[in-house]
Amino acid sequence: MFDAADGTAFTHEQGARARKLFAAVVLAALDDAIADDKKYGNGPEQIARWARSRDGREVLSCAGIDPNERVVSGLMEFVSKGVRTSVALSREESERRAAAEAEAEAA
């Protein structure tokens, strides 16, 4: 039925699905911190506290992200920009940002 290659492929596929699931949890945490930032003004501190917590480090590790201070500062910077993750990951936003950067370089 299954040979070793099938078993390895299945295990790899399950691991990839698990990483995607944990990455979705990280995106949800970012969205929550952005909402907190707009409502209470403490979003970057919230995401930093979460990322430094044991649960946050575990989720980041399972998502394939090394939970170090560089990552924490990057998460804080992302939250402080206030752009929701769904918008930041969209093609239109990427194209708009690229056009804005090209304009800035031309000026």
Protein backbone atom coordinates (compact mmCIF):
# COMPACT_ATOMS: atom_id res chain seq x y z
CA MET A 1 0.00 0.00 0.00
CA PHE A 2 2.29 2.73 1.26
CA ASP A 3 6.00 2.68 0.73
CA ALA A 4 8.55 4.81 2.59
CA ALA A 5 8.42 7.63 0.03
CA ASP A 6 4.62 7.91 0.36
CA GLY A 7 4.91 8.02 4.14
CA THR A 8 7.57 10.72 4.03
CA ALA A 9 5.57 12.78 1.53
CA PHE A 10 2.45 12.48 3.68
CA THR A 11 4.36 13.51 6.81
CA HIS A 12 5.91 16.48 5.00
CA GLU A 13 2.50 17.54 3.71
CA GLN A 14 1.01 17.36 7.20
CA GLY A 15 3.88 19.47 8.54
CA ALA A 16 3.33 22.09 5.86
CA ARG A 17 -0.38 22.25 6.70
CA ALA A 18 0.43 22.64 10.39
CA ARG A 19 2.88 25.48 9.65
CA LYS A 20 0.21 27.25 7.59
CA LEU A 21 -2.25 26.87 10.45
CA PHE A 22 0.17 28.41 12.94
CA ALA A 23 1.02 31.18 10.45
CA ALA A 24 -2.70 32.00 10.36
CA VAL A 25 -2.64 32.28 14.16
CA VAL A 26 0.26 34.76 13.90
CA LEU A 27 -1.70 36.81 11.34
CA ALA A 28 -4.73 36.80 13.65
CA ALA A 29 -2.56 38.00 16.54
CA LEU A 30 -1.24 40.82 14.33
CA ASP A 31 -4.79 41.82 13.38
CA ASP A 32 -5.82 41.81 17.05
CA ALA A 33 -2.85 44.01 17.95
CA ILE A 34 -3.69 46.41 15.11
CA ALA A 35 -7.28 46.63 16.38
CA ASP A 36 -5.98 47.28 19.90
CA ASP A 37 -3.67 49.97 18.54
CA LYS A 38 -6.56 51.77 16.84
CA LYS A 39 -8.82 51.41 19.89
CA TYR A 40 -6.46 51.80 22.85
CA GLY A 41 -3.14 52.90 21.32
CA ASN A 42 -1.14 49.99 22.74
CA GLY A 43 -0.92 47.58 19.77
CA PRO A 44 2.88 47.35 19.45
CA GLU A 45 3.23 46.64 23.17
CA GLN A 46 0.50 43.97 22.95
CA ILE A 47 2.14 42.10 20.07
CA ALA A 48 5.55 42.36 21.78
CA ARG A 49 4.14 40.96 25.02
CA TRP A 50 2.47 38.12 23.10
CA ALA A 51 5.57 37.32 21.00
CA ARG A 52 7.78 37.21 24.11
CA SER A 53 5.35 34.99 26.04
CA ARG A 54 5.81 31.24 26.12
CA ASP A 55 2.68 30.67 24.01
CA GLY A 56 3.72 33.31 21.51
CA ARG A 57 7.20 31.85 21.13
CA GLU A 58 5.68 28.40 20.67
CA VAL A 59 3.26 29.60 17.97
CA LEU A 60 5.99 31.53 16.16
CA SER A 61 8.26 28.47 16.23
CA CYS A 62 5.51 26.20 14.92
CA ALA A 63 4.84 28.73 12.13
CA GLY A 64 8.50 28.45 11.10
CA ILE A 65 9.48 31.86 12.51
CA ASP A 66 12.49 32.15 14.81
CA PRO A 67 11.15 33.94 17.93
CA ASN A 68 14.01 36.40 18.51
CA GLU A 69 14.08 40.13 19.30
CA ARG A 70 14.54 41.06 15.64
CA VAL A 71 11.25 39.34 14.86
CA VAL A 72 9.55 41.04 17.83
CA SER A 73 10.69 44.47 16.64
CA GLY A 74 9.49 43.66 13.12
CA LEU A 75 6.07 42.65 14.44
CA MET A 76 5.91 45.85 16.48
CA GLU A 77 6.82 47.93 13.42
CA PHE A 78 4.16 46.16 11.33
CA VAL A 79 1.49 46.82 13.96
CA SER A 80 2.50 50.48 14.29
CA LYS A 81 1.92 50.97 10.53
CA GLY A 82 -1.73 50.02 11.13
CA VAL A 83 -2.26 48.11 7.87
CA ARG A 84 -4.39 45.00 8.36
CA THR A 85 -2.74 41.74 7.32
CA SER A 86 -5.35 40.96 4.66
CA VAL A 87 -4.69 44.34 3.02
CA ALA A 88 -0.91 44.06 3.38
CA LEU A 89 -0.92 40.65 1.69
CA SER A 90 -3.13 41.73 -1.21
CA ARG A 91 -1.72 42.30 -4.68
CA GLU A 92 -3.23 45.78 -4.97
CA GLU A 93 -1.49 46.99 -1.83
CA SER A 94 1.83 45.56 -3.02
CA GLU A 95 1.47 47.32 -6.37
CA ARG A 96 0.47 50.59 -4.67
CA ARG A 97 3.48 50.42 -2.35
CA ALA A 98 5.84 49.66 -5.26
CA ALA A 99 4.44 52.61 -7.22
CA ALA A 100 4.84 54.92 -4.22
CA GLU A 101 8.46 53.80 -3.75
CA ALA A 102 9.17 54.34 -7.46
CA GLU A 103 7.70 57.86 -7.22
CA ALA A 104 9.79 58.62 -4.15
CA GLU A 105 12.97 57.47 -5.90
CA ALA A 106 12.16 59.54 -9.02
CA ALA A 107 11.57 62.71 -6.98
